[in-house]
């Protein structure tokens, strides 16, 4: 694999890492960044877009209109998006469990 394909996969990974960092940051938990439609809604929309891209790319590969490298890059981005979504979910569950442990 050449450097250009690695940089494309890394830029996608960096984008998803940044998105996870923004969603799980203390400022996002206080609601300071929810003025423009909500970080969670944007994250879900971005996740959906990544999954649609993977689906489209694999269909194009099956039709013979794209190469295998594009499919691998799309799958790498999808894997990073899924890991990000799982991390966010885990943080939400941890926060909920912490609330349950609080005395009334």
PDB file of N, CA and C in Angstrom:
ATOM      1  N   UNK A   1       0.849  -1.163   0.000  1.00  0.00           N
ATOM      2  CA  UNK A   1       0.000   0.000   0.000  1.00  0.00           C
ATOM      3  C   UNK A   1       0.898   1.231   0.000  1.00  0.00           C
ATOM      4  N   UNK A   2       0.586   2.230  -0.785  1.00  0.00           N
ATOM      5  CA  UNK A   2       1.423   3.420  -0.847  1.00  0.00           C
ATOM      6  C   UNK A   2       1.012   4.457   0.191  1.00  0.00           C
ATOM      7  N   UNK A   3       1.796   5.508   0.307  1.00  0.00           N
ATOM      8  CA  UNK A   3       1.592   6.523   1.335  1.00  0.00           C
ATOM      9  C   UNK A   3       0.287   7.282   1.128  1.00  0.00           C
ATOM     10  N   UNK A   4      -0.120   7.500  -0.096  1.00  0.00           N
ATOM     11  CA  UNK A   4      -1.353   8.260  -0.337  1.00  0.00           C
ATOM     12  C   UNK A   4      -2.570   7.520   0.185  1.00  0.00           C
ATOM     13  N   UNK A   5      -2.601   6.202   0.047  1.00  0.00           N
ATOM     14  CA  UNK A   5      -3.748   5.460   0.556  1.00  0.00           C
ATOM     15  C   UNK A   5      -3.725   5.426   2.078  1.00  0.00           C
ATOM     16  N   UNK A   6      -2.533   5.357   2.671  1.00  0.00           N
ATOM     17  CA  UNK A   6      -2.438   5.407   4.125  1.00  0.00           C
ATOM     18  C   UNK A   6      -2.888   6.753   4.660  1.00  0.00           C
ATOM     19  N   UNK A   7      -2.527   7.818   3.965  1.00  0.00           N
ATOM     20  CA  UNK A   7      -2.917   9.146   4.444  1.00  0.00           C
ATOM     21  C   UNK A   7      -4.430   9.327   4.376  1.00  0.00           C
ATOM     22  N   UNK A   8      -5.081   8.740   3.396  1.00  0.00           N
ATOM     23  CA  UNK A   8      -6.544   8.838   3.307  1.00  0.00           C
ATOM     24  C   UNK A   8      -7.196   8.100   4.472  1.00  0.00           C
ATOM     25  N   UNK A   9      -6.692   6.911   4.776  1.00  0.00           N
ATOM     26  CA  UNK A   9      -7.241   6.149   5.895  1.00  0.00           C
ATOM     27  C   UNK A   9      -6.949   6.843   7.214  1.00  0.00           C
ATOM     28  N   UNK A  10      -5.753   7.406   7.346  1.00  0.00           N
ATOM     29  CA  UNK A  10      -5.397   8.100   8.574  1.00  0.00           C
ATOM     30  C   UNK A  10      -6.200   9.380   8.758  1.00  0.00           C
ATOM     31  N   UNK A  11      -6.484  10.079   7.667  1.00  0.00           N
ATOM     32  CA  UNK A  11      -7.281  11.301   7.806  1.00  0.00           C
ATOM     33  C   UNK A  11      -8.698  10.958   8.251  1.00  0.00           C
ATOM     34  N   UNK A  12      -9.247   9.862   7.760  1.00  0.00           N
ATOM     35  CA  UNK A  12     -10.567   9.426   8.211  1.00  0.00           C
ATOM     36  C   UNK A  12     -10.544   9.025   9.673  1.00  0.00           C
ATOM     37  N   UNK A  13      -9.484   8.314  10.062  1.00  0.00           N
ATOM     38  CA  UNK A  13      -9.344   7.911  11.457  1.00  0.00           C
ATOM     39  C   UNK A  13      -9.201   9.122  12.359  1.00  0.00           C
ATOM     40  N   UNK A  14      -8.408  10.091  11.930  1.00  0.00           N
ATOM     41  CA  UNK A  14      -8.216  11.305  12.724  1.00  0.00           C
ATOM     42  C   UNK A  14      -9.518  12.090  12.848  1.00  0.00           C
ATOM     43  N   UNK A  15     -10.302  12.119  11.776  1.00  0.00           N
ATOM     44  CA  UNK A  15     -11.582  12.835  11.805  1.00  0.00           C
ATOM     45  C   UNK A  15     -12.526  12.192  12.830  1.00  0.00           C
ATOM     46  N   UNK A  16     -12.584  10.857  12.834  1.00  0.00           N
ATOM     47  CA  UNK A  16     -13.474  10.169  13.766  1.00  0.00           C
ATOM     48  C   UNK A  16     -12.972  10.282  15.205  1.00  0.00           C
ATOM     49  N   UNK A  17     -11.651  10.257  15.379  1.00  0.00           N
ATOM     50  CA  UNK A  17     -11.104  10.436  16.715  1.00  0.00           C
ATOM     51  C   UNK A  17     -11.446  11.825  17.243  1.00  0.00           C
ATOM     52  N   UNK A  18     -11.308  12.831  16.385  1.00  0.00           N
ATOM     53  CA  UNK A  18     -11.649  14.186  16.790  1.00  0.00           C
ATOM     54  C   UNK A  18     -13.117  14.319  17.136  1.00  0.00           C
ATOM     55  N   UNK A  19     -13.968  13.640  16.379  1.00  0.00           N
ATOM     56  CA  UNK A  19     -15.400  13.690  16.651  1.00  0.00           C
ATOM     57  C   UNK A  19     -15.694  13.041  18.012  1.00  0.00           C
ATOM     58  N   UNK A  20     -15.055  11.911  18.294  1.00  0.00           N
ATOM     59  CA  UNK A  20     -15.267  11.247  19.579  1.00  0.00           C
ATOM     60  C   UNK A  20     -14.754  12.106  20.718  1.00  0.00           C
ATOM     61  N   UNK A  21     -13.644  12.770  20.495  1.00  0.00           N
ATOM     62  CA  UNK A  21     -13.073  13.633  21.527  1.00  0.00           C
ATOM     63  C   UNK A  21     -14.009  14.801  21.834  1.00  0.00           C
ATOM     64  N   UNK A  22     -14.609  15.385  20.793  1.00  0.00           N
ATOM     65  CA  UNK A  22     -15.532  16.502  21.006  1.00  0.00           C
ATOM     66  C   UNK A  22     -16.796  16.050  21.737  1.00  0.00           C
ATOM     67  N   UNK A  23     -17.309  14.876  21.377  1.00  0.00           N
ATOM     68  CA  UNK A  23     -18.554  14.400  21.980  1.00  0.00           C
ATOM     69  C   UNK A  23     -18.345  14.026  23.441  1.00  0.00           C
ATOM     70  N   UNK A  24     -17.187  13.440  23.759  1.00  0.00           N
ATOM     71  CA  UNK A  24     -16.950  12.983  25.123  1.00  0.00           C
ATOM     72  C   UNK A  24     -16.237  14.008  25.980  1.00  0.00           C
ATOM     73  N   UNK A  25     -15.937  15.186  25.450  1.00  0.00           N
ATOM     74  CA  UNK A  25     -15.238  16.222  26.215  1.00  0.00           C
ATOM     75  C   UNK A  25     -16.153  16.790  27.297  1.00  0.00           C
ATOM     76  N   UNK A  26     -15.566  17.303  28.386  1.00  0.00           N
ATOM     77  CA  UNK A  26     -16.397  17.875  29.458  1.00  0.00           C
ATOM     78  C   UNK A  26     -17.288  19.019  28.991  1.00  0.00           C
ATOM     79  N   UNK A  27     -16.833  19.828  28.016  1.00  0.00           N
ATOM     80  CA  UNK A  27     -17.662  20.924  27.527  1.00  0.00           C
ATOM     81  C   UNK A  27     -18.928  20.404  26.860  1.00  0.00           C
ATOM     82  N   UNK A  28     -18.819  19.280  26.152  1.00  0.00           N
ATOM     83  CA  UNK A  28     -19.988  18.716  25.475  1.00  0.00           C
ATOM     84  C   UNK A  28     -20.979  18.164  26.486  1.00  0.00           C
ATOM     85  N   UNK A  29     -20.484  17.673  27.621  1.00  0.00           N
ATOM     86  CA  UNK A  29     -21.368  17.102  28.628  1.00  0.00           C
ATOM     87  C   UNK A  29     -22.153  18.181  29.362  1.00  0.00           C
ATOM     88  N   UNK A  30     -21.628  19.398  29.419  1.00  0.00           N
ATOM     89  CA  UNK A  30     -22.354  20.477  30.089  1.00  0.00           C
ATOM     90  C   UNK A  30     -23.420  21.086  29.205  1.00  0.00           C
ATOM     91  N   UNK A  31     -23.416  20.767  27.924  1.00  0.00           N
ATOM     92  CA  UNK A  31     -24.426  21.292  27.015  1.00  0.00           C
ATOM     93  C   UNK A  31     -24.002  22.574  26.350  1.00  0.00           C
ATOM     94  N   UNK A  32     -22.741  22.981  26.511  1.00  0.00           N
ATOM     95  CA  UNK A  32     -22.287  24.240  25.936  1.00  0.00           C
ATOM     96  C   UNK A  32     -22.246  24.194  24.411  1.00  0.00           C
ATOM     97  N   UNK A  33     -22.085  23.008  23.837  1.00  0.00           N
ATOM     98  CA  UNK A  33     -21.965  22.906  22.393  1.00  0.00           C
ATOM     99  C   UNK A  33     -23.260  22.434  21.731  1.00  0.00           C
ATOM    100  N   UNK A  34     -24.342  22.353  22.452  1.00  0.00           N
ATOM    101  CA  UNK A  34     -25.599  21.865  21.892  1.00  0.00           C
ATOM    102  C   UNK A  34     -26.428  22.966  21.251  1.00  0.00           C
ATOM    103  N   UNK A  35     -25.869  24.157  21.061  1.00  0.00           N
ATOM    104  CA  UNK A  35     -26.616  25.264  20.482  1.00  0.00           C
ATOM    105  C   UNK A  35     -26.938  25.030  19.014  1.00  0.00           C
ATOM    106  N   UNK A  36     -26.096  24.331  18.304  1.00  0.00           N
ATOM    107  CA  UNK A  36     -26.244  24.208  16.865  1.00  0.00           C
ATOM    108  C   UNK A  36     -26.808  22.858  16.429  1.00  0.00           C
ATOM    109  N   UNK A  37     -27.699  22.275  17.168  1.00  0.00           N
ATOM    110  CA  UNK A  37     -28.347  21.060  16.726  1.00  0.00           C
ATOM    111  C   UNK A  37     -27.950  19.824  17.488  1.00  0.00           C
ATOM    112  N   UNK A  38     -26.939  19.895  18.319  1.00  0.00           N
ATOM    113  CA  UNK A  38     -26.568  18.756  19.143  1.00  0.00           C
ATOM    114  C   UNK A  38     -25.424  17.947  18.573  1.00  0.00           C
ATOM    115  N   UNK A  39     -24.458  17.687  19.408  1.00  0.00           N
ATOM    116  CA  UNK A  39     -23.289  16.911  18.995  1.00  0.00           C
ATOM    117  C   UNK A  39     -23.661  15.451  18.728  1.00  0.00           C
ATOM    118  N   UNK A  40     -24.578  14.919  19.502  1.00  0.00           N
ATOM    119  CA  UNK A  40     -24.963  13.516  19.325  1.00  0.00           C
ATOM    120  C   UNK A  40     -25.645  13.320  17.978  1.00  0.00           C
ATOM    121  N   UNK A  41     -26.520  14.237  17.614  1.00  0.00           N
ATOM    122  CA  UNK A  41     -27.200  14.138  16.322  1.00  0.00           C
ATOM    123  C   UNK A  41     -26.213  14.221  15.170  1.00  0.00           C
ATOM    124  N   UNK A  42     -25.221  15.110  15.298  1.00  0.00           N
ATOM    125  CA  UNK A  42     -24.199  15.209  14.263  1.00  0.00           C
ATOM    126  C   UNK A  42     -23.364  13.941  14.187  1.00  0.00           C
ATOM    127  N   UNK A  43     -23.050  13.367  15.343  1.00  0.00           N
ATOM    128  CA  UNK A  43     -22.280  12.125  15.373  1.00  0.00           C
ATOM    129  C   UNK A  43     -23.029  10.979  14.724  1.00  0.00           C
ATOM    130  N   UNK A  44     -24.313  10.885  15.009  1.00  0.00           N
ATOM    131  CA  UNK A  44     -25.133   9.822  14.415  1.00  0.00           C
ATOM    132  C   UNK A  44     -25.229  10.014  12.901  1.00  0.00           C
ATOM    133  N   UNK A  45     -25.384  11.250  12.481  1.00  0.00           N
ATOM    134  CA  UNK A  45     -25.464  11.535  11.045  1.00  0.00           C
ATOM    135  C   UNK A  45     -24.148  11.195  10.342  1.00  0.00           C
ATOM    136  N   UNK A  46     -23.045  11.543  10.967  1.00  0.00           N
ATOM    137  CA  UNK A  46     -21.732  11.235  10.404  1.00  0.00           C
ATOM    138  C   UNK A  46     -21.518   9.725  10.329  1.00  0.00           C
ATOM    139  N   UNK A  47     -21.924   9.011  11.375  1.00  0.00           N
ATOM    140  CA  UNK A  47     -21.809   7.548  11.395  1.00  0.00           C
ATOM    141  C   UNK A  47     -22.638   6.941  10.266  1.00  0.00           C
ATOM    142  N   UNK A  48     -23.830   7.454  10.085  1.00  0.00           N
ATOM    143  CA  UNK A  48     -24.697   6.970   9.021  1.00  0.00           C
ATOM    144  C   UNK A  48     -24.078   7.226   7.645  1.00  0.00           C
ATOM    145  N   UNK A  49     -23.481   8.406   7.474  1.00  0.00           N
ATOM    146  CA  UNK A  49     -22.831   8.725   6.203  1.00  0.00           C
ATOM    147  C   UNK A  49     -21.676   7.780   5.904  1.00  0.00           C
ATOM    148  N   UNK A  50     -20.885   7.454   6.925  1.00  0.00           N
ATOM    149  CA  UNK A  50     -19.759   6.540   6.738  1.00  0.00           C
ATOM    150  C   UNK A  50     -20.264   5.164   6.320  1.00  0.00           C
ATOM    151  N   UNK A  51     -21.314   4.694   6.959  1.00  0.00           N
ATOM    152  CA  UNK A  51     -21.848   3.374   6.624  1.00  0.00           C
ATOM    153  C   UNK A  51     -22.447   3.357   5.210  1.00  0.00           C
ATOM    154  N   UNK A  52     -23.085   4.458   4.810  1.00  0.00           N
ATOM    155  CA  UNK A  52     -23.612   4.545   3.448  1.00  0.00           C
ATOM    156  C   UNK A  52     -22.482   4.540   2.427  1.00  0.00           C
ATOM    157  N   UNK A  53     -21.377   5.208   2.767  1.00  0.00           N
ATOM    158  CA  UNK A  53     -20.213   5.230   1.877  1.00  0.00           C
ATOM    159  C   UNK A  53     -19.648   3.828   1.695  1.00  0.00           C
ATOM    160  N   UNK A  54     -19.573   3.069   2.780  1.00  0.00           N
ATOM    161  CA  UNK A  54     -19.075   1.689   2.688  1.00  0.00           C
ATOM    162  C   UNK A  54     -19.985   0.859   1.801  1.00  0.00           C
ATOM    163  N   UNK A  55     -21.265   1.006   2.001  1.00  0.00           N
ATOM    164  CA  UNK A  55     -22.222   0.243   1.199  1.00  0.00           C
ATOM    165  C   UNK A  55     -22.098   0.590  -0.289  1.00  0.00           C
ATOM    166  N   UNK A  56     -22.011   1.872  -0.581  1.00  0.00           N
ATOM    167  CA  UNK A  56     -21.889   2.324  -1.961  1.00  0.00           C
ATOM    168  C   UNK A  56     -20.589   1.825  -2.590  1.00  0.00           C
ATOM    169  N   UNK A  57     -19.493   1.926  -1.834  1.00  0.00           N
ATOM    170  CA  UNK A  57     -18.197   1.501  -2.351  1.00  0.00           C
ATOM    171  C   UNK A  57     -18.170  -0.002  -2.617  1.00  0.00           C
ATOM    172  N   UNK A  58     -18.737  -0.794  -1.714  1.00  0.00           N
ATOM    173  CA  UNK A  58     -18.741  -2.238  -1.945  1.00  0.00           C
ATOM    174  C   UNK A  58     -19.630  -2.612  -3.126  1.00  0.00           C
ATOM    175  N   UNK A  59     -20.735  -1.886  -3.315  1.00  0.00           N
ATOM    176  CA  UNK A  59     -21.582  -2.148  -4.475  1.00  0.00           C
ATOM    177  C   UNK A  59     -20.858  -1.776  -5.762  1.00  0.00           C
ATOM    178  N   UNK A  60     -20.106  -0.676  -5.734  1.00  0.00           N
ATOM    179  CA  UNK A  60     -19.329  -0.286  -6.909  1.00  0.00           C
ATOM    180  C   UNK A  60     -18.240  -1.308  -7.203  1.00  0.00           C
ATOM    181  N   UNK A  61     -17.635  -1.854  -6.169  1.00  0.00           N
ATOM    182  CA  UNK A  61     -16.604  -2.882  -6.368  1.00  0.00           C
ATOM    183  C   UNK A  61     -17.220  -4.145  -6.972  1.00  0.00           C
ATOM    184  N   UNK A  62     -18.406  -4.508  -6.493  1.00  0.00           N
ATOM    185  CA  UNK A  62     -19.086  -5.688  -7.035  1.00  0.00           C
ATOM    186  C   UNK A  62     -19.455  -5.475  -8.508  1.00  0.00           C
ATOM    187  N   UNK A  63     -19.761  -4.234  -8.863  1.00  0.00           N
ATOM    188  CA  UNK A  63     -20.100  -3.918 -10.246  1.00  0.00           C
ATOM    189  C   UNK A  63     -18.857  -3.743 -11.108  1.00  0.00           C
ATOM    190  N   UNK A  64     -17.688  -3.654 -10.465  1.00  0.00           N
ATOM    191  CA  UNK A  64     -16.443  -3.522 -11.211  1.00  0.00           C
ATOM    192  C   UNK A  64     -16.074  -2.095 -11.565  1.00  0.00           C
ATOM    193  N   UNK A  65     -16.671  -1.122 -10.893  1.00  0.00           N
ATOM    194  CA  UNK A  65     -16.379   0.272 -11.230  1.00  0.00           C
ATOM    195  C   UNK A  65     -15.367   0.929 -10.297  1.00  0.00           C
ATOM    196  N   UNK A  66     -14.923   0.236  -9.257  1.00  0.00           N
ATOM    197  CA  UNK A  66     -13.911   0.772  -8.349  1.00  0.00           C
ATOM    198  C   UNK A  66     -12.923  -0.320  -7.999  1.00  0.00           C
ATOM    199  N   UNK A  67     -11.817   0.065  -7.387  1.00  0.00           N
ATOM    200  CA  UNK A  67     -10.779  -0.907  -7.066  1.00  0.00           C
ATOM    201  C   UNK A  67     -10.891  -1.370  -5.611  1.00  0.00           C
ATOM    202  N   UNK A  68     -10.137  -2.413  -5.293  1.00  0.00           N
ATOM    203  CA  UNK A  68     -10.178  -3.003  -3.960  1.00  0.00           C
ATOM    204  C   UNK A  68      -9.625  -2.051  -2.902  1.00  0.00           C
ATOM    205  N   UNK A  69      -8.699  -1.210  -3.288  1.00  0.00           N
ATOM    206  CA  UNK A  69      -8.107  -0.270  -2.339  1.00  0.00           C
ATOM    207  C   UNK A  69      -9.165   0.686  -1.783  1.00  0.00           C
ATOM    208  N   UNK A  70     -10.076   1.125  -2.616  1.00  0.00           N
ATOM    209  CA  UNK A  70     -11.148   2.008  -2.155  1.00  0.00           C
ATOM    210  C   UNK A  70     -12.049   1.305  -1.148  1.00  0.00           C
ATOM    211  N   UNK A  71     -12.292   0.035  -1.382  1.00  0.00           N
ATOM    212  CA  UNK A  71     -13.126  -0.740  -0.460  1.00  0.00           C
ATOM    213  C   UNK A  71     -12.429  -0.877   0.886  1.00  0.00           C
ATOM    214  N   UNK A  72     -11.133  -1.177   0.855  1.00  0.00           N
ATOM    215  CA  UNK A  72     -10.380  -1.324   2.094  1.00  0.00           C
ATOM    216  C   UNK A  72     -10.352  -0.007   2.874  1.00  0.00           C
ATOM    217  N   UNK A  73     -10.161   1.109   2.186  1.00  0.00           N
ATOM    218  CA  UNK A  73     -10.164   2.415   2.853  1.00  0.00           C
ATOM    219  C   UNK A  73     -11.528   2.718   3.463  1.00  0.00           C
ATOM    220  N   UNK A  74     -12.584   2.415   2.731  1.00  0.00           N
ATOM    221  CA  UNK A  74     -13.935   2.657   3.252  1.00  0.00           C
ATOM    222  C   UNK A  74     -14.207   1.771   4.467  1.00  0.00           C
ATOM    223  N   UNK A  75     -13.750   0.526   4.417  1.00  0.00           N
ATOM    224  CA  UNK A  75     -13.938  -0.372   5.560  1.00  0.00           C
ATOM    225  C   UNK A  75     -13.131   0.083   6.766  1.00  0.00           C
ATOM    226  N   UNK A  76     -11.930   0.614   6.540  1.00  0.00           N
ATOM    227  CA  UNK A  76     -11.120   1.132   7.645  1.00  0.00           C
ATOM    228  C   UNK A  76     -11.812   2.324   8.296  1.00  0.00           C
ATOM    229  N   UNK A  77     -12.385   3.201   7.482  1.00  0.00           N
ATOM    230  CA  UNK A  77     -13.136   4.336   8.030  1.00  0.00           C
ATOM    231  C   UNK A  77     -14.359   3.860   8.802  1.00  0.00           C
ATOM    232  N   UNK A  78     -15.031   2.846   8.284  1.00  0.00           N
ATOM    233  CA  UNK A  78     -16.211   2.316   8.964  1.00  0.00           C
ATOM    234  C   UNK A  78     -15.825   1.670  10.295  1.00  0.00           C
ATOM    235  N   UNK A  79     -14.702   0.986  10.307  1.00  0.00           N
ATOM    236  CA  UNK A  79     -14.242   0.372  11.552  1.00  0.00           C
ATOM    237  C   UNK A  79     -13.947   1.441  12.608  1.00  0.00           C
ATOM    238  N   UNK A  80     -13.299   2.510  12.193  1.00  0.00           N
ATOM    239  CA  UNK A  80     -12.993   3.599  13.124  1.00  0.00           C
ATOM    240  C   UNK A  80     -14.278   4.264  13.612  1.00  0.00           C
ATOM    241  N   UNK A  81     -15.249   4.437  12.725  1.00  0.00           N
ATOM    242  CA  UNK A  81     -16.526   5.038  13.124  1.00  0.00           C
ATOM    243  C   UNK A  81     -17.261   4.149  14.119  1.00  0.00           C
ATOM    244  N   UNK A  82     -17.218   2.840  13.893  1.00  0.00           N
ATOM    245  CA  UNK A  82     -17.868   1.910  14.815  1.00  0.00           C
ATOM    246  C   UNK A  82     -17.189   1.925  16.174  1.00  0.00           C
ATOM    247  N   UNK A  83     -15.858   1.947  16.184  1.00  0.00           N
ATOM    248  CA  UNK A  83     -15.135   2.024  17.453  1.00  0.00           C
ATOM    249  C   UNK A  83     -15.462   3.318  18.191  1.00  0.00           C
ATOM    250  N   UNK A  84     -15.596   4.401  17.452  1.00  0.00           N
ATOM    251  CA  UNK A  84     -15.957   5.679  18.052  1.00  0.00           C
ATOM    252  C   UNK A  84     -17.352   5.609  18.660  1.00  0.00           C
ATOM    253  N   UNK A  85     -18.300   5.031  17.928  1.00  0.00           N
ATOM    254  CA  UNK A  85     -19.672   4.919  18.428  1.00  0.00           C
ATOM    255  C   UNK A  85     -19.721   4.050  19.686  1.00  0.00           C
ATOM    256  N   UNK A  86     -18.956   2.975  19.709  1.00  0.00           N
ATOM    257  CA  UNK A  86     -18.930   2.103  20.883  1.00  0.00           C
ATOM    258  C   UNK A  86     -18.316   2.836  22.075  1.00  0.00           C
ATOM    259  N   UNK A  87     -17.272   3.616  21.824  1.00  0.00           N
ATOM    260  CA  UNK A  87     -16.647   4.380  22.898  1.00  0.00           C
ATOM    261  C   UNK A  87     -17.620   5.402  23.479  1.00  0.00           C
ATOM    262  N   UNK A  88     -18.333   6.090  22.625  1.00  0.00           N
ATOM    263  CA  UNK A  88     -19.321   7.073  23.087  1.00  0.00           C
ATOM    264  C   UNK A  88     -20.412   6.372  23.882  1.00  0.00           C
ATOM    265  N   UNK A  89     -20.886   5.258  23.373  1.00  0.00           N
ATOM    266  CA  UNK A  89     -21.918   4.505  24.094  1.00  0.00           C
ATOM    267  C   UNK A  89     -21.426   4.081  25.468  1.00  0.00           C
ATOM    268  N   UNK A  90     -20.177   3.597  25.540  1.00  0.00           N
ATOM    269  CA  UNK A  90     -19.618   3.175  26.820  1.00  0.00           C
ATOM    270  C   UNK A  90     -19.530   4.334  27.800  1.00  0.00           C
ATOM    271  N   UNK A  91     -19.164   5.511  27.300  1.00  0.00           N
ATOM    272  CA  UNK A  91     -19.094   6.692  28.171  1.00  0.00           C
ATOM    273  C   UNK A  91     -20.483   7.059  28.692  1.00  0.00           C
ATOM    274  N   UNK A  92     -21.482   6.957  27.851  1.00  0.00           N
ATOM    275  CA  UNK A  92     -22.846   7.281  28.274  1.00  0.00           C
ATOM    276  C   UNK A  92     -23.315   6.280  29.323  1.00  0.00           C
ATOM    277  N   UNK A  93     -23.028   5.011  29.126  1.00  0.00           N
ATOM    278  CA  UNK A  93     -23.417   3.983  30.096  1.00  0.00           C
ATOM    279  C   UNK A  93     -22.691   4.201  31.422  1.00  0.00           C
ATOM    280  N   UNK A  94     -21.409   4.531  31.363  1.00  0.00           N
ATOM    281  CA  UNK A  94     -20.666   4.817  32.592  1.00  0.00           C
ATOM    282  C   UNK A  94     -21.262   6.003  33.344  1.00  0.00           C
ATOM    283  N   UNK A  95     -21.622   7.043  32.617  1.00  0.00           N
ATOM    284  CA  UNK A  95     -22.216   8.217  33.250  1.00  0.00           C
ATOM    285  C   UNK A  95     -23.556   7.869  33.890  1.00  0.00           C
ATOM    286  N   UNK A  96     -24.346   7.063  33.202  1.00  0.00           N
ATOM    287  CA  UNK A  96     -25.644   6.645  33.735  1.00  0.00           C
ATOM    288  C   UNK A  96     -25.459   5.811  34.999  1.00  0.00           C
ATOM    289  N   UNK A  97     -24.509   4.900  34.973  1.00  0.00           N
ATOM    290  CA  UNK A  97     -24.254   4.073  36.151  1.00  0.00           C
ATOM    291  C   UNK A  97     -23.762   4.918  37.321  1.00  0.00           C
ATOM    292  N   UNK A  98     -22.964   5.937  37.014  1.00  0.00           N
ATOM    293  CA  UNK A  98     -22.498   6.845  38.066  1.00  0.00           C
ATOM    294  C   UNK A  98     -23.673   7.605  38.673  1.00  0.00           C
ATOM    295  N   UNK A  99     -24.621   8.006  37.848  1.00  0.00           N
ATOM    296  CA  UNK A  99     -25.822   8.679  38.373  1.00  0.00           C
ATOM    297  C   UNK A  99     -26.632   7.744  39.267  1.00  0.00           C
ATOM    298  N   UNK A 100     -26.707   6.476  38.882  1.00  0.00           N
ATOM    299  CA  UNK A 100     -27.456   5.518  39.706  1.00  0.00           C
ATOM    300  C   UNK A 100     -26.801   5.297  41.060  1.00  0.00           C
ATOM    301  N   UNK A 101     -25.480   5.428  41.122  1.00  0.00           N
ATOM    302  CA  UNK A 101     -24.766   5.216  42.388  1.00  0.00           C
ATOM    303  C   UNK A 101     -24.828   6.425  43.315  1.00  0.00           C
ATOM    304  N   UNK A 102     -25.282   7.555  42.827  1.00  0.00           N
ATOM    305  CA  UNK A 102     -25.319   8.769  43.643  1.00  0.00           C
ATOM    306  C   UNK A 102     -26.427   8.651  44.706  1.00  0.00           C
ATOM    307  N   UNK A 103     -26.113   9.065  45.926  1.00  0.00           N
ATOM    308  CA  UNK A 103     -27.169   9.050  46.960  1.00  0.00           C
ATOM    309  C   UNK A 103     -28.159  10.179  46.725  1.00  0.00           C
ATOM    310  N   UNK A 104     -29.380   9.949  47.125  1.00  0.00           N
ATOM    311  CA  UNK A 104     -30.426  10.959  46.921  1.00  0.00           C
ATOM    312  C   UNK A 104     -30.492  11.896  48.100  1.00  0.00           C
TER     313      UNK A 104
END
